[in-house]
Amino acid sequence: MKLFQRIFGRKPVPQMTPDLASEIRRSFEEAASDEEHFPSTIDPRILHVRTIVEFLGDLGSGRALDLGCGKGRFARIVKEHNPRAAVVAMDLAVAMLECADTNLERVAASMLALPFPDGALDAAYATESLEHAVDTARAVAEMCRVVKPGGKLVVIDKNAAHWGRFETPQWEKWFHEEELKGLLGWHCRHVECRPISYWEDVEPDGLFLCWTAVK
């Protein structure tokens, strides 16, 4: 099956339905008890974390959103670098949010219907969460909608060119560079993409891509 996927492309991604939405939510509610694969902490030296912190810059007393935050491990570090800012940790699974720091604003919601007014945030980022949105275009549009003009966005996710490297849920989707550049480009005036590794002294192997944008 993996060889077939590499040769003929990604498996078809299903359409979002109420049943699928419930299945995805249930899977992450259950995964919250798996600290090994869904940890509550992350090394702040990892490039995925550093890239977000450095690209967002000084948020001052602004507001930033972590979409699909899991247990809030990235949000915790963003908050440490921006103590005056409000950092919103948003996830579909309440059990995940219960593990997030109490100094974060914790919100249970779907990436397809963000509970924020237009332009309510100074920045937003999604790390390995957009791959679970199913309706990617809608999720990107929502992410961009809630960020004010001039605000910054970051997406770090898996490269579709490496699809099949390991097993994934049937709804998961990985992305080609131009695919997300195009979706972000509908809403943002400047979009870039580059490969990214975990550590500064390790060359990227192509699995992860990082998209940065300014609205």
N, C-alpha and C. Protein backbone atom coordinates (compact mmCIF):
# COMPACT_ATOMS: atom_id res chain seq x y z
N MET A 1 0.83 -1.21 0.00
CA MET A 1 0.00 0.00 0.00
C MET A 1 0.86 1.26 0.00
N LYS A 2 1.92 1.28 0.81
CA LYS A 2 2.77 2.46 0.85
C LYS A 2 3.43 2.71 -0.50
N LEU A 3 3.90 1.62 -1.15
CA LEU A 3 4.52 1.76 -2.46
C LEU A 3 3.51 2.28 -3.46
N PHE A 4 2.29 1.76 -3.42
CA PHE A 4 1.23 2.24 -4.30
C PHE A 4 0.99 3.73 -4.11
N GLN A 5 0.96 4.17 -2.85
CA GLN A 5 0.72 5.58 -2.57
C GLN A 5 1.84 6.45 -3.10
N ARG A 6 3.08 5.98 -2.97
CA ARG A 6 4.21 6.76 -3.47
C ARG A 6 4.15 6.91 -4.99
N ILE A 7 3.70 5.84 -5.67
CA ILE A 7 3.70 5.85 -7.12
C ILE A 7 2.50 6.61 -7.68
N PHE A 8 1.34 6.37 -7.11
CA PHE A 8 0.10 6.90 -7.68
C PHE A 8 -0.47 8.08 -6.91
N GLY A 9 0.21 8.51 -5.84
CA GLY A 9 -0.23 9.70 -5.13
C GLY A 9 -0.96 9.37 -3.84
N ARG A 10 -1.49 10.44 -3.23
CA ARG A 10 -2.13 10.30 -1.94
C ARG A 10 -3.46 9.58 -2.05
N LYS A 11 -3.85 8.93 -0.98
CA LYS A 11 -5.18 8.33 -0.94
C LYS A 11 -6.23 9.45 -0.99
N PRO A 12 -7.42 9.17 -1.51
CA PRO A 12 -8.45 10.21 -1.57
C PRO A 12 -8.81 10.70 -0.17
N VAL A 13 -8.95 12.01 -0.03
CA VAL A 13 -9.34 12.58 1.26
C VAL A 13 -10.85 12.69 1.30
N PRO A 14 -11.49 12.20 2.35
CA PRO A 14 -12.95 12.25 2.41
C PRO A 14 -13.48 13.66 2.61
N GLN A 15 -14.76 13.83 2.36
CA GLN A 15 -15.42 15.10 2.63
C GLN A 15 -15.79 15.18 4.10
N MET A 16 -15.74 16.38 4.66
CA MET A 16 -16.13 16.54 6.06
C MET A 16 -17.64 16.35 6.21
N THR A 17 -18.00 15.47 7.10
CA THR A 17 -19.39 15.21 7.44
C THR A 17 -19.51 15.25 8.96
N PRO A 18 -20.72 15.36 9.52
CA PRO A 18 -20.86 15.32 10.98
C PRO A 18 -20.26 14.06 11.59
N ASP A 19 -20.42 12.93 10.92
CA ASP A 19 -19.87 11.68 11.45
C ASP A 19 -18.35 11.70 11.46
N LEU A 20 -17.75 12.22 10.38
CA LEU A 20 -16.29 12.29 10.33
C LEU A 20 -15.77 13.28 11.36
N ALA A 21 -16.45 14.42 11.50
CA ALA A 21 -16.04 15.41 12.51
C ALA A 21 -16.06 14.80 13.90
N SER A 22 -17.07 13.99 14.19
CA SER A 22 -17.15 13.32 15.50
C SER A 22 -16.03 12.30 15.66
N GLU A 23 -15.72 11.59 14.57
CA GLU A 23 -14.64 10.60 14.63
C GLU A 23 -13.29 11.27 14.90
N ILE A 24 -13.03 12.38 14.23
CA ILE A 24 -11.77 13.09 14.44
C ILE A 24 -11.68 13.61 15.87
N ARG A 25 -12.76 14.22 16.34
CA ARG A 25 -12.78 14.73 17.72
C ARG A 25 -12.54 13.60 18.72
N ARG A 26 -13.22 12.49 18.53
CA ARG A 26 -13.09 11.36 19.45
C ARG A 26 -11.66 10.82 19.47
N SER A 27 -11.02 10.77 18.30
CA SER A 27 -9.67 10.23 18.24
C SER A 27 -8.69 11.08 19.04
N PHE A 28 -8.88 12.41 19.00
CA PHE A 28 -7.97 13.28 19.73
C PHE A 28 -8.32 13.37 21.21
N GLU A 29 -9.58 13.20 21.54
CA GLU A 29 -9.94 13.11 22.96
C GLU A 29 -9.25 11.90 23.59
N GLU A 30 -9.25 10.79 22.88
CA GLU A 30 -8.60 9.57 23.37
C GLU A 30 -7.08 9.71 23.37
N ALA A 31 -6.55 10.41 22.37
CA ALA A 31 -5.09 10.56 22.25
C ALA A 31 -4.49 11.41 23.36
N ALA A 32 -5.31 12.18 24.03
CA ALA A 32 -4.80 13.06 25.09
C ALA A 32 -4.12 12.29 26.21
N SER A 33 -4.50 11.03 26.38
CA SER A 33 -3.89 10.21 27.43
C SER A 33 -2.56 9.59 26.99
N ASP A 34 -2.20 9.78 25.72
CA ASP A 34 -0.97 9.20 25.18
C ASP A 34 0.14 10.25 25.21
N GLU A 35 0.84 10.34 26.32
CA GLU A 35 1.88 11.36 26.48
C GLU A 35 3.09 11.08 25.59
N GLU A 36 3.32 9.82 25.25
CA GLU A 36 4.48 9.49 24.43
C GLU A 36 4.34 10.07 23.02
N HIS A 37 3.19 9.92 22.41
CA HIS A 37 3.00 10.38 21.04
C HIS A 37 2.36 11.76 20.95
N PHE A 38 1.75 12.20 22.03
CA PHE A 38 1.15 13.53 22.09
C PHE A 38 1.63 14.23 23.37
N PRO A 39 2.91 14.63 23.38
CA PRO A 39 3.51 15.18 24.60
C PRO A 39 2.98 16.57 24.93
N SER A 40 3.10 16.93 26.19
CA SER A 40 2.63 18.24 26.65
C SER A 40 3.76 19.27 26.68
N THR A 41 4.99 18.85 26.40
CA THR A 41 6.12 19.78 26.37
C THR A 41 6.91 19.59 25.08
N ILE A 42 7.72 20.59 24.75
CA ILE A 42 8.60 20.50 23.58
C ILE A 42 9.86 21.30 23.87
N ASP A 43 10.98 20.84 23.36
CA ASP A 43 12.25 21.53 23.54
C ASP A 43 12.20 22.86 22.78
N PRO A 44 12.39 23.99 23.46
CA PRO A 44 12.30 25.29 22.78
C PRO A 44 13.38 25.52 21.75
N ARG A 45 14.40 24.65 21.71
CA ARG A 45 15.46 24.80 20.71
C ARG A 45 15.07 24.22 19.36
N ILE A 46 14.01 23.42 19.31
CA ILE A 46 13.57 22.81 18.07
C ILE A 46 13.18 23.91 17.08
N LEU A 47 13.61 23.76 15.82
CA LEU A 47 13.41 24.82 14.83
C LEU A 47 11.95 25.13 14.58
N HIS A 48 11.08 24.15 14.70
CA HIS A 48 9.66 24.42 14.49
C HIS A 48 9.18 25.49 15.48
N VAL A 49 9.64 25.38 16.71
CA VAL A 49 9.25 26.34 17.74
C VAL A 49 9.94 27.68 17.50
N ARG A 50 11.23 27.64 17.29
CA ARG A 50 12.00 28.87 17.12
C ARG A 50 11.51 29.67 15.92
N THR A 51 11.17 28.97 14.84
CA THR A 51 10.70 29.66 13.63
C THR A 51 9.44 30.45 13.92
N ILE A 52 8.52 29.86 14.65
CA ILE A 52 7.27 30.56 14.98
C ILE A 52 7.55 31.77 15.86
N VAL A 53 8.32 31.57 16.90
CA VAL A 53 8.63 32.66 17.83
C VAL A 53 9.33 33.80 17.11
N GLU A 54 10.32 33.46 16.27
CA GLU A 54 11.09 34.50 15.59
C GLU A 54 10.28 35.20 14.51
N PHE A 55 9.46 34.47 13.78
CA PHE A 55 8.68 35.11 12.71
C PHE A 55 7.59 36.01 13.28
N LEU A 56 6.94 35.56 14.35
CA LEU A 56 5.90 36.40 14.95
C LEU A 56 6.50 37.65 15.59
N GLY A 57 7.72 37.54 16.10
CA GLY A 57 8.38 38.69 16.71
C GLY A 57 7.73 39.10 18.02
N ASP A 58 7.93 40.34 18.38
CA ASP A 58 7.38 40.87 19.64
C ASP A 58 5.90 41.17 19.46
N LEU A 59 5.06 40.42 20.14
CA LEU A 59 3.61 40.60 20.03
C LEU A 59 3.09 41.72 20.92
N GLY A 60 3.95 42.22 21.81
CA GLY A 60 3.52 43.27 22.73
C GLY A 60 2.33 42.83 23.54
N SER A 61 1.27 43.63 23.52
CA SER A 61 0.04 43.27 24.22
C SER A 61 -1.00 42.74 23.24
N GLY A 62 -0.52 42.22 22.11
CA GLY A 62 -1.42 41.69 21.09
C GLY A 62 -1.97 40.32 21.43
N ARG A 63 -2.51 39.68 20.40
CA ARG A 63 -3.18 38.40 20.60
C ARG A 63 -2.80 37.44 19.49
N ALA A 64 -2.38 36.23 19.87
CA ALA A 64 -1.97 35.22 18.90
C ALA A 64 -2.78 33.95 19.10
N LEU A 65 -3.02 33.22 18.01
CA LEU A 65 -3.83 32.00 18.04
C LEU A 65 -3.03 30.80 17.60
N ASP A 66 -3.07 29.74 18.41
CA ASP A 66 -2.48 28.45 18.07
C ASP A 66 -3.63 27.54 17.65
N LEU A 67 -3.75 27.25 16.35
CA LEU A 67 -4.83 26.43 15.83
C LEU A 67 -4.47 24.95 15.92
N GLY A 68 -5.32 24.17 16.58
CA GLY A 68 -5.02 22.76 16.76
C GLY A 68 -3.83 22.59 17.67
N CYS A 69 -3.89 23.24 18.82
CA CYS A 69 -2.73 23.36 19.71
C CYS A 69 -2.37 22.08 20.43
N GLY A 70 -3.24 21.06 20.41
CA GLY A 70 -2.97 19.88 21.22
C GLY A 70 -2.95 20.24 22.69
N LYS A 71 -1.88 19.91 23.36
CA LYS A 71 -1.75 20.21 24.79
C LYS A 71 -1.12 21.58 25.06
N GLY A 72 -0.98 22.37 24.00
CA GLY A 72 -0.51 23.74 24.17
C GLY A 72 0.98 23.89 24.34
N ARG A 73 1.75 22.93 23.85
CA ARG A 73 3.20 22.99 24.08
C ARG A 73 3.86 24.13 23.30
N PHE A 74 3.41 24.43 22.08
CA PHE A 74 3.95 25.57 21.34
C PHE A 74 3.43 26.87 21.95
N ALA A 75 2.16 26.89 22.29
CA ALA A 75 1.56 28.11 22.86
C ALA A 75 2.25 28.52 24.15
N ARG A 76 2.65 27.55 24.92
CA ARG A 76 3.34 27.84 26.18
C ARG A 76 4.63 28.62 25.93
N ILE A 77 5.38 28.24 24.92
CA ILE A 77 6.65 28.90 24.63
C ILE A 77 6.41 30.28 24.01
N VAL A 78 5.41 30.38 23.13
CA VAL A 78 5.07 31.69 22.57
C VAL A 78 4.69 32.65 23.69
N LYS A 79 3.95 32.18 24.66
CA LYS A 79 3.55 33.00 25.80
C LYS A 79 4.76 33.40 26.64
N GLU A 80 5.70 32.48 26.85
CA GLU A 80 6.91 32.80 27.62
C GLU A 80 7.70 33.92 26.96
N HIS A 81 7.72 33.96 25.63
CA HIS A 81 8.43 35.01 24.90
C HIS A 81 7.62 36.30 24.81
N ASN A 82 6.33 36.22 25.08
CA ASN A 82 5.45 37.38 24.97
C ASN A 82 4.53 37.44 26.20
N PRO A 83 5.09 37.73 27.36
CA PRO A 83 4.29 37.66 28.59
C PRO A 83 3.12 38.62 28.65
N ARG A 84 3.18 39.73 27.89
CA ARG A 84 2.06 40.69 27.91
C ARG A 84 0.97 40.33 26.90
N ALA A 85 1.28 39.43 25.99
CA ALA A 85 0.33 39.07 24.95
C ALA A 85 -0.68 38.04 25.45
N ALA A 86 -1.82 37.99 24.80
CA ALA A 86 -2.80 36.93 25.03
C ALA A 86 -2.57 35.85 23.99
N VAL A 87 -2.25 34.65 24.42
CA VAL A 87 -2.03 33.54 23.51
C VAL A 87 -3.20 32.57 23.66
N VAL A 88 -3.91 32.36 22.57
CA VAL A 88 -5.10 31.51 22.58
C VAL A 88 -4.72 30.11 22.12
N ALA A 89 -4.93 29.13 22.98
CA ALA A 89 -4.70 27.73 22.65
C ALA A 89 -6.04 27.12 22.25
N MET A 90 -6.19 26.81 20.96
CA MET A 90 -7.46 26.31 20.45
C MET A 90 -7.31 24.89 19.93
N ASP A 91 -8.21 24.03 20.34
CA ASP A 91 -8.17 22.65 19.87
C ASP A 91 -9.58 22.09 19.83
N LEU A 92 -9.75 21.04 19.03
CA LEU A 92 -11.04 20.37 18.93
C LEU A 92 -11.33 19.55 20.17
N ALA A 93 -10.28 19.02 20.80
CA ALA A 93 -10.43 18.07 21.91
C ALA A 93 -10.30 18.77 23.26
N VAL A 94 -11.33 18.69 24.05
CA VAL A 94 -11.31 19.29 25.39
C VAL A 94 -10.25 18.63 26.26
N ALA A 95 -10.08 17.32 26.12
CA ALA A 95 -9.09 16.60 26.92
C ALA A 95 -7.68 17.10 26.65
N MET A 96 -7.39 17.50 25.42
CA MET A 96 -6.09 18.09 25.10
C MET A 96 -5.94 19.43 25.81
N LEU A 97 -6.97 20.27 25.74
CA LEU A 97 -6.91 21.60 26.33
C LEU A 97 -6.75 21.55 27.85
N GLU A 98 -7.25 20.51 28.47
CA GLU A 98 -7.13 20.40 29.92
C GLU A 98 -5.67 20.27 30.35
N CYS A 99 -4.79 19.89 29.41
CA CYS A 99 -3.36 19.76 29.72
C CYS A 99 -2.59 21.06 29.47
N ALA A 100 -3.24 22.04 28.86
CA ALA A 100 -2.56 23.30 28.52
C ALA A 100 -2.42 24.19 29.74
N ASP A 101 -1.40 25.03 29.75
CA ASP A 101 -1.16 25.96 30.85
C ASP A 101 -2.36 26.86 31.09
N THR A 102 -2.61 27.17 32.33
CA THR A 102 -3.75 28.02 32.67
C THR A 102 -3.53 29.49 32.33
N ASN A 103 -2.28 29.87 32.00
CA ASN A 103 -2.05 31.26 31.60
C ASN A 103 -2.32 31.47 30.11
N LEU A 104 -2.82 30.43 29.44
CA LEU A 104 -3.26 30.53 28.06
C LEU A 104 -4.77 30.65 28.02
N GLU A 105 -5.27 31.34 27.01
CA GLU A 105 -6.72 31.34 26.78
C GLU A 105 -7.06 30.04 26.06
N ARG A 106 -7.84 29.19 26.69
CA ARG A 106 -8.14 27.88 26.11
C ARG A 106 -9.53 27.89 25.49
N VAL A 107 -9.58 27.49 24.21
CA VAL A 107 -10.84 27.53 23.46
C VAL A 107 -11.02 26.21 22.72
N ALA A 108 -12.16 25.56 22.90
CA ALA A 108 -12.49 24.34 22.17
C ALA A 108 -13.30 24.72 20.94
N ALA A 109 -12.77 24.44 19.76
CA ALA A 109 -13.46 24.82 18.53
C ALA A 109 -12.84 24.08 17.35
N SER A 110 -13.53 24.16 16.22
CA SER A 110 -13.06 23.58 14.97
C SER A 110 -12.32 24.63 14.16
N MET A 111 -11.29 24.20 13.42
CA MET A 111 -10.57 25.10 12.52
C MET A 111 -11.46 25.59 11.39
N LEU A 112 -12.58 24.90 11.16
CA LEU A 112 -13.47 25.27 10.07
C LEU A 112 -14.48 26.34 10.47
N ALA A 113 -14.53 26.68 11.75
CA ALA A 113 -15.47 27.69 12.23
C ALA A 113 -14.88 28.35 13.47
N LEU A 114 -13.92 29.23 13.26
CA LEU A 114 -13.23 29.85 14.39
C LEU A 114 -14.14 30.87 15.08
N PRO A 115 -14.22 30.81 16.41
CA PRO A 115 -15.14 31.68 17.15
C PRO A 115 -14.56 33.05 17.46
N PHE A 116 -14.06 33.73 16.42
CA PHE A 116 -13.46 35.05 16.58
C PHE A 116 -13.95 35.96 15.47
N PRO A 117 -14.11 37.25 15.76
CA PRO A 117 -14.50 38.20 14.71
C PRO A 117 -13.38 38.38 13.68
N ASP A 118 -13.73 38.93 12.55
CA ASP A 118 -12.74 39.25 11.53
C ASP A 118 -11.67 40.17 12.11
N GLY A 119 -10.40 39.86 11.83
CA GLY A 119 -9.30 40.72 12.23
C GLY A 119 -9.11 40.87 13.72
N ALA A 120 -9.52 39.87 14.48
CA ALA A 120 -9.45 39.97 15.95
C ALA A 120 -8.06 39.65 16.50
N LEU A 121 -7.18 39.09 15.67
CA LEU A 121 -5.89 38.59 16.15
C LEU A 121 -4.72 39.23 15.41
N ASP A 122 -3.60 39.29 16.10
CA ASP A 122 -2.38 39.84 15.49
C ASP A 122 -1.57 38.77 14.76
N ALA A 123 -1.78 37.51 15.11
CA ALA A 123 -1.01 36.43 14.51
C ALA A 123 -1.74 35.11 14.72
N ALA A 124 -1.43 34.14 13.87
CA ALA A 124 -1.98 32.79 14.02
C ALA A 124 -0.98 31.80 13.44
N TYR A 125 -0.95 30.62 14.01
CA TYR A 125 -0.06 29.58 13.49
C TYR A 125 -0.68 28.21 13.70
N ALA A 126 -0.27 27.26 12.84
CA ALA A 126 -0.78 25.90 12.91
C ALA A 126 0.38 24.95 12.67
N THR A 127 0.65 24.09 13.63
CA THR A 127 1.76 23.13 13.52
C THR A 127 1.21 21.71 13.49
N GLU A 128 1.34 21.06 12.35
CA GLU A 128 0.86 19.69 12.14
C GLU A 128 -0.60 19.53 12.58
N SER A 129 -1.38 20.55 12.33
CA SER A 129 -2.81 20.48 12.65
C SER A 129 -3.68 20.68 11.41
N LEU A 130 -3.21 21.48 10.47
CA LEU A 130 -3.98 21.71 9.25
C LEU A 130 -4.21 20.40 8.50
N GLU A 131 -3.30 19.46 8.66
CA GLU A 131 -3.43 18.17 7.98
C GLU A 131 -4.68 17.40 8.41
N HIS A 132 -5.27 17.80 9.53
CA HIS A 132 -6.48 17.13 10.03
C HIS A 132 -7.76 17.91 9.74
N ALA A 133 -7.66 19.03 9.02
CA ALA A 133 -8.82 19.90 8.81
C ALA A 133 -9.82 19.32 7.82
N VAL A 134 -9.37 18.45 6.92
CA VAL A 134 -10.16 17.84 5.84
C VAL A 134 -10.49 18.90 4.78
N ASP A 135 -11.24 19.93 5.15
CA ASP A 135 -11.55 21.02 4.21
C ASP A 135 -10.46 22.09 4.37
N THR A 136 -9.33 21.86 3.70
CA THR A 136 -8.16 22.71 3.88
C THR A 136 -8.42 24.16 3.47
N ALA A 137 -9.08 24.35 2.34
CA ALA A 137 -9.32 25.72 1.86
C ALA A 137 -10.14 26.51 2.87
N ARG A 138 -11.13 25.88 3.45
CA ARG A 138 -11.97 26.57 4.44
C ARG A 138 -11.18 26.89 5.69
N ALA A 139 -10.34 25.94 6.14
CA ALA A 139 -9.54 26.17 7.34
C ALA A 139 -8.55 27.31 7.13
N VAL A 140 -7.90 27.36 5.97
CA VAL A 140 -6.96 28.45 5.68
C VAL A 140 -7.70 29.78 5.61
N ALA A 141 -8.88 29.78 4.99
CA ALA A 141 -9.66 31.01 4.90
C ALA A 141 -10.05 31.52 6.28
N GLU A 142 -10.43 30.60 7.18
CA GLU A 142 -10.79 30.98 8.54
C GLU A 142 -9.57 31.53 9.29
N MET A 143 -8.44 30.86 9.12
CA MET A 143 -7.21 31.28 9.78
C MET A 143 -6.84 32.71 9.36
N CYS A 144 -6.97 32.97 8.07
CA CYS A 144 -6.63 34.30 7.56
C CYS A 144 -7.69 35.33 7.95
N ARG A 145 -8.93 34.93 7.98
CA ARG A 145 -10.02 35.86 8.31
C ARG A 145 -9.84 36.50 9.67
N VAL A 146 -9.42 35.72 10.66
CA VAL A 146 -9.38 36.22 12.03
C VAL A 146 -8.12 37.03 12.33
N VAL A 147 -7.18 37.07 11.38
CA VAL A 147 -5.95 37.85 11.55
C VAL A 147 -6.13 39.22 10.89
N LYS A 148 -5.71 40.26 11.58
CA LYS A 148 -5.87 41.62 11.06
C LYS A 148 -4.89 41.89 9.92
N PRO A 149 -5.18 42.85 9.05
CA PRO A 149 -4.22 43.22 8.01
C PRO A 149 -2.87 43.59 8.61
N GLY A 150 -1.82 43.06 8.02
CA GLY A 150 -0.47 43.26 8.55
C GLY A 150 -0.07 42.19 9.54
N GLY A 151 -1.03 41.36 9.95
CA GLY A 151 -0.72 40.28 10.89
C GLY A 151 0.04 39.14 10.22
N LYS A 152 0.62 38.28 11.03
CA LYS A 152 1.49 37.22 10.52
C LYS A 152 0.88 35.84 10.75
N LEU A 153 1.17 34.93 9.82
CA LEU A 153 0.68 33.57 9.90
C LEU A 153 1.80 32.58 9.60
N VAL A 154 1.79 31.44 10.29
CA VAL A 154 2.77 30.38 10.05
C VAL A 154 2.03 29.05 10.00
N VAL A 155 2.38 28.23 9.02
CA VAL A 155 1.90 26.85 8.95
C VAL A 155 3.11 25.95 8.80
N ILE A 156 3.24 24.98 9.68
CA ILE A 156 4.27 23.95 9.56
C ILE A 156 3.56 22.61 9.45
N ASP A 157 3.79 21.92 8.34
CA ASP A 157 3.09 20.66 8.13
C ASP A 157 3.89 19.77 7.20
N LYS A 158 3.34 18.61 6.92
CA LYS A 158 4.07 17.59 6.17
C LYS A 158 3.95 17.79 4.66
N ASN A 159 5.02 17.41 3.98
CA ASN A 159 5.17 17.57 2.55
C ASN A 159 4.53 16.38 1.83
N ALA A 160 3.60 16.68 0.92
CA ALA A 160 2.90 15.62 0.19
C ALA A 160 3.85 14.76 -0.65
N ALA A 161 5.00 15.31 -1.01
CA ALA A 161 5.97 14.53 -1.78
C ALA A 161 6.51 13.36 -0.99
N HIS A 162 6.33 13.38 0.33
CA HIS A 162 6.81 12.30 1.19
C HIS A 162 5.67 11.45 1.72
N TRP A 163 4.50 11.60 1.11
CA TRP A 163 3.34 10.81 1.54
C TRP A 163 3.66 9.32 1.50
N GLY A 164 3.24 8.60 2.54
CA GLY A 164 3.47 7.16 2.61
C GLY A 164 4.63 6.76 3.49
N ARG A 165 5.31 7.73 4.08
CA ARG A 165 6.45 7.37 4.94
C ARG A 165 6.00 6.65 6.20
N PHE A 166 4.78 6.92 6.65
CA PHE A 166 4.24 6.17 7.77
C PHE A 166 2.72 6.21 7.71
N GLU A 167 2.10 5.37 8.52
CA GLU A 167 0.65 5.25 8.52
C GLU A 167 0.01 6.53 9.05
N THR A 168 -1.16 6.86 8.49
CA THR A 168 -1.89 8.05 8.92
C THR A 168 -3.38 7.72 9.03
N PRO A 169 -4.13 8.53 9.78
CA PRO A 169 -5.58 8.37 9.78
C PRO A 169 -6.13 8.57 8.38
N GLN A 170 -7.28 7.98 8.10
CA GLN A 170 -7.83 8.01 6.73
C GLN A 170 -8.20 9.42 6.28
N TRP A 171 -8.39 10.35 7.22
CA TRP A 171 -8.76 11.72 6.83
C TRP A 171 -7.56 12.64 6.64
N GLU A 172 -6.37 12.22 7.05
CA GLU A 172 -5.22 13.12 7.06
C GLU A 172 -4.75 13.45 5.65
N LYS A 173 -4.29 14.69 5.47
CA LYS A 173 -3.80 15.16 4.18
C LYS A 173 -2.49 15.89 4.37
N TRP A 174 -1.50 15.63 3.50
CA TRP A 174 -0.26 16.38 3.47
C TRP A 174 -0.30 17.32 2.26
N PHE A 175 0.64 18.28 2.22
CA PHE A 175 0.50 19.37 1.26
C PHE A 175 1.74 19.57 0.39
N HIS A 176 1.48 19.89 -0.87
CA HIS A 176 2.54 20.35 -1.75
C HIS A 176 2.79 21.83 -1.49
N GLU A 177 4.01 22.26 -1.72
CA GLU A 177 4.40 23.66 -1.44
C GLU A 177 3.45 24.65 -2.09
N GLU A 178 3.20 24.49 -3.38
CA GLU A 178 2.39 25.46 -4.11
C GLU A 178 0.92 25.42 -3.71
N GLU A 179 0.46 24.28 -3.21
CA GLU A 179 -0.94 24.17 -2.80
C GLU A 179 -1.28 25.15 -1.69
N LEU A 180 -0.49 25.13 -0.62
CA LEU A 180 -0.77 26.04 0.48
C LEU A 180 -0.34 27.47 0.16
N LYS A 181 0.70 27.63 -0.64
CA LYS A 181 1.06 29.00 -1.06
C LYS A 181 -0.10 29.64 -1.80
N GLY A 182 -0.78 28.85 -2.62
CA GLY A 182 -1.92 29.37 -3.35
C GLY A 182 -3.08 29.73 -2.45
N LEU A 183 -3.39 28.84 -1.49
CA LEU A 183 -4.51 29.10 -0.57
C LEU A 183 -4.23 30.31 0.31
N LEU A 184 -3.02 30.40 0.83
CA LEU A 184 -2.66 31.56 1.65
C LEU A 184 -2.61 32.82 0.80
N GLY A 185 -2.18 32.68 -0.44
CA GLY A 185 -2.05 33.83 -1.32
C GLY A 185 -3.37 34.50 -1.66
N TRP A 186 -4.48 33.79 -1.53
CA TRP A 186 -5.79 34.39 -1.76
C TRP A 186 -6.09 35.47 -0.72
N HIS A 187 -5.49 35.34 0.46
CA HIS A 187 -5.83 36.21 1.57
C HIS A 187 -4.67 37.07 2.05
N CYS A 188 -3.44 36.71 1.66
CA CYS A 188 -2.24 37.38 2.19
C CYS A 188 -1.45 38.03 1.07
N ARG A 189 -0.75 39.10 1.39
CA ARG A 189 -0.01 39.84 0.37
C ARG A 189 1.40 39.31 0.18
N HIS A 190 1.87 38.48 1.10
CA HIS A 190 3.23 37.96 0.97
C HIS A 190 3.28 36.56 1.57
N VAL A 191 3.69 35.57 0.79
CA VAL A 191 3.75 34.18 1.25
C VAL A 191 5.08 33.56 0.81
N GLU A 192 5.73 32.86 1.73
CA GLU A 192 6.96 32.14 1.42
C GLU A 192 6.87 30.72 1.97
N CYS A 193 7.69 29.84 1.41
CA CYS A 193 7.74 28.45 1.90
C CYS A 193 9.16 27.94 1.82
N ARG A 194 9.54 27.15 2.81
CA ARG A 194 10.86 26.53 2.80
C ARG A 194 10.82 25.22 3.57
N PRO A 195 11.72 24.28 3.24
CA PRO A 195 11.82 23.06 4.04
C PRO A 195 12.34 23.40 5.43
N ILE A 196 11.98 22.59 6.40
CA ILE A 196 12.42 22.85 7.76
C ILE A 196 12.72 21.52 8.45
N SER A 197 13.77 21.51 9.25
CA SER A 197 14.13 20.32 10.02
C SER A 197 13.81 20.59 11.49
N TYR A 198 14.12 19.61 12.34
CA TYR A 198 13.91 19.81 13.77
C TYR A 198 15.05 20.61 14.40
N TRP A 199 16.28 20.39 13.90
CA TRP A 199 17.43 20.99 14.55
C TRP A 199 18.22 21.83 13.57
N GLU A 200 18.81 22.90 14.05
CA GLU A 200 19.52 23.85 13.21
C GLU A 200 20.69 23.23 12.47
N ASP A 201 21.36 22.27 13.08
CA ASP A 201 22.55 21.67 12.47
C ASP A 201 22.23 20.42 11.65
N VAL A 202 20.95 20.18 11.39
CA VAL A 202 20.54 19.02 10.58
C VAL A 202 19.82 19.52 9.33
N GLU A 203 20.29 19.08 8.17
CA GLU A 203 19.66 19.49 6.92
C GLU A 203 18.24 18.94 6.84
N PRO A 204 17.29 19.73 6.33
CA PRO A 204 15.93 19.21 6.17
C PRO A 204 15.90 18.00 5.24
N ASP A 205 15.12 16.99 5.61
CA ASP A 205 15.01 15.81 4.76
C ASP A 205 13.79 15.88 3.85
N GLY A 206 13.08 17.00 3.89
CA GLY A 206 11.95 17.20 3.00
C GLY A 206 10.60 16.85 3.58
N LEU A 207 10.57 16.22 4.76
CA LEU A 207 9.29 15.80 5.34
C LEU A 207 8.43 16.99 5.73
N PHE A 208 9.06 18.03 6.30
CA PHE A 208 8.30 19.18 6.78
C PHE A 208 8.56 20.42 5.94
N LEU A 209 7.49 21.17 5.71
CA LEU A 209 7.58 22.46 5.05
C LEU A 209 7.02 23.52 5.98
N CYS A 210 7.58 24.73 5.85
CA CYS A 210 7.12 25.85 6.66
C CYS A 210 6.66 26.98 5.74
N TRP A 211 5.38 27.34 5.85
CA TRP A 211 4.83 28.46 5.11
C TRP A 211 4.68 29.65 6.05
N THR A 212 5.18 30.80 5.63
CA THR A 212 5.00 32.03 6.41
C THR A 212 4.28 33.05 5.53
N ALA A 213 3.43 33.85 6.15
CA ALA A 213 2.64 34.80 5.37
C ALA A 213 2.39 36.06 6.18
N VAL A 214 2.19 37.16 5.46
CA VAL A 214 1.78 38.43 6.05
C VAL A 214 0.48 38.84 5.37
N LYS A 215 -0.53 39.10 6.15
CA LYS A 215 -1.83 39.43 5.57
C LYS A 215 -1.85 40.87 5.04
